[in-house]
Amino acid sequence: MQRRIETLATATVVAGLLTLVWGLPTQAQNIQGDRQAATQLAACEAGDRIDSTTAADARKKIEAAGYRQVRNLVKGCDNFWHASAVSKDGGQGSVVVTPKGEVWPEGN
């Protein structure tokens, strides 16, 4: 777990440099989501089983469900991904990706 957090921290620094030099905000946003997920995972219980889905996986599923401008991806210890996004009808809201890959508006 510690090694994964260190790897994600290094990737975040690299992504930040790439953003400054070449203007790659999409990669930086993916890394930011992974870093947030790592922070969330650090608070998980020792017995929690964390799957291998990534922020990029969750973003693809959310966008495939018709959402756009996906931001603030965070993975919970229950393997649900939470994010903010703009829905098909243009409304801003929260969405969740279940461990089975289903995308739902959050809170419904």
Protein backbone atom coordinates (compact mmCIF):
# COMPACT_ATOMS: atom_id res chain seq x y z
CA MET A 1 0.00 0.00 0.00
CA GLN A 2 2.76 2.44 0.97
CA ARG A 3 4.60 1.67 -2.29
CA ARG A 4 1.45 2.43 -4.31
CA ILE A 5 0.99 5.76 -2.52
CA GLU A 6 4.63 6.66 -3.18
CA THR A 7 4.24 5.72 -6.85
CA LEU A 8 1.11 7.84 -7.15
CA ALA A 9 2.83 10.77 -5.45
CA THR A 10 5.72 10.54 -7.93
CA ALA A 11 3.28 10.32 -10.84
CA THR A 12 1.50 13.42 -9.55
CA VAL A 13 4.74 15.41 -9.54
CA VAL A 14 5.60 14.21 -13.06
CA ALA A 15 2.10 15.04 -14.30
CA GLY A 16 2.38 18.51 -12.79
CA LEU A 17 5.66 19.11 -14.61
CA LEU A 18 4.20 17.83 -17.88
CA THR A 19 1.26 20.16 -17.45
CA LEU A 20 3.57 23.12 -16.95
CA VAL A 21 5.84 22.23 -19.86
CA TRP A 22 3.47 20.75 -22.44
CA GLY A 23 0.02 21.66 -21.15
CA LEU A 24 -1.35 18.18 -20.54
CA PRO A 25 -4.23 18.86 -18.13
CA THR A 26 -6.10 15.62 -18.93
CA GLN A 27 -3.22 13.45 -17.72
CA ALA A 28 -2.77 15.66 -14.68
CA GLN A 29 -6.48 15.32 -13.85
CA ASN A 30 -6.25 11.51 -14.10
CA ILE A 31 -3.24 11.50 -11.81
CA GLN A 32 -5.02 13.90 -9.44
CA GLY A 33 -7.94 11.45 -9.24
CA ASP A 34 -5.52 8.60 -8.52
CA ARG A 35 -3.80 10.67 -5.83
CA GLN A 36 -7.15 11.43 -4.20
CA ALA A 37 -7.99 7.74 -4.39
CA ALA A 38 -4.68 6.87 -2.73
CA THR A 39 -5.43 9.30 0.08
CA GLN A 40 -8.86 7.74 0.50
CA LEU A 41 -7.38 4.22 0.44
CA ALA A 42 -4.94 5.14 3.17
CA ALA A 43 -7.95 5.47 5.50
CA CYS A 44 -9.33 2.01 4.66
CA GLU A 45 -9.44 -0.76 7.20
CA ALA A 46 -6.82 -3.51 7.04
CA GLY A 47 -9.39 -6.11 5.97
CA ASP A 48 -10.87 -4.05 3.12
CA ARG A 49 -10.37 -5.61 -0.32
CA ILE A 50 -9.57 -2.89 -2.84
CA ASP A 51 -10.00 -3.73 -6.51
CA SER A 52 -7.64 -2.59 -9.27
CA THR A 53 -9.92 -0.10 -11.02
CA THR A 54 -8.35 3.28 -11.73
CA ALA A 55 -9.60 6.83 -12.10
CA ALA A 56 -9.15 6.44 -15.86
CA ASP A 57 -11.39 3.33 -15.81
CA ALA A 58 -14.08 5.19 -13.86
CA ARG A 59 -13.85 8.25 -16.12
CA LYS A 60 -14.36 6.09 -19.24
CA LYS A 61 -17.44 4.44 -17.75
CA ILE A 62 -18.93 7.78 -16.69
CA GLU A 63 -18.32 9.32 -20.11
CA ALA A 64 -19.74 6.22 -21.84
CA ALA A 65 -22.91 6.74 -19.78
CA GLY A 66 -23.29 10.19 -21.36
CA TYR A 67 -21.70 12.45 -18.77
CA ARG A 68 -19.02 15.02 -19.55
CA GLN A 69 -16.61 17.28 -17.66
CA VAL A 70 -15.87 14.54 -15.13
CA ARG A 71 -13.99 15.90 -12.11
CA ASN A 72 -13.00 15.05 -8.56
CA LEU A 73 -12.83 11.28 -8.95
CA VAL A 74 -12.44 9.61 -5.57
CA LYS A 75 -12.51 5.89 -4.82
CA GLY A 76 -13.99 4.66 -1.59
CA CYS A 77 -12.91 1.65 0.45
CA ASP A 78 -16.04 -0.07 -0.86
CA ASN A 79 -14.64 0.20 -4.45
CA PHE A 80 -17.26 2.74 -5.52
CA TRP A 81 -15.91 5.70 -7.54
CA HIS A 82 -17.50 9.09 -6.82
CA ALA A 83 -17.23 12.12 -9.12
CA SER A 84 -18.77 15.40 -10.22
CA ALA A 85 -19.96 15.60 -13.81
CA VAL A 86 -22.32 17.34 -16.21
CA SER A 87 -25.28 15.14 -17.17
CA LYS A 88 -26.84 14.62 -20.59
CA ASP A 89 -29.38 17.37 -19.88
CA GLY A 90 -26.64 19.82 -18.87
CA GLY A 91 -27.13 19.65 -15.12
CA GLN A 92 -24.14 19.56 -12.77
CA GLY A 93 -24.24 16.78 -10.23
CA SER A 94 -22.56 13.84 -8.57
CA VAL A 95 -22.27 10.36 -10.03
CA VAL A 96 -21.09 7.03 -8.72
CA VAL A 97 -19.55 4.04 -10.51
CA THR A 98 -20.35 0.78 -8.74
CA PRO A 99 -17.86 -2.08 -8.46
CA LYS A 100 -19.91 -3.79 -11.21
CA GLY A 101 -19.29 -0.81 -13.52
CA GLU A 102 -22.78 0.68 -13.34
CA VAL A 103 -23.03 4.47 -13.43
CA TRP A 104 -25.71 6.15 -11.32
CA PRO A 105 -26.54 9.70 -10.32
CA GLU A 106 -25.39 9.89 -6.72
CA GLY A 107 -28.02 10.25 -4.04
CA ASN A 108 -30.76 8.45 -5.96
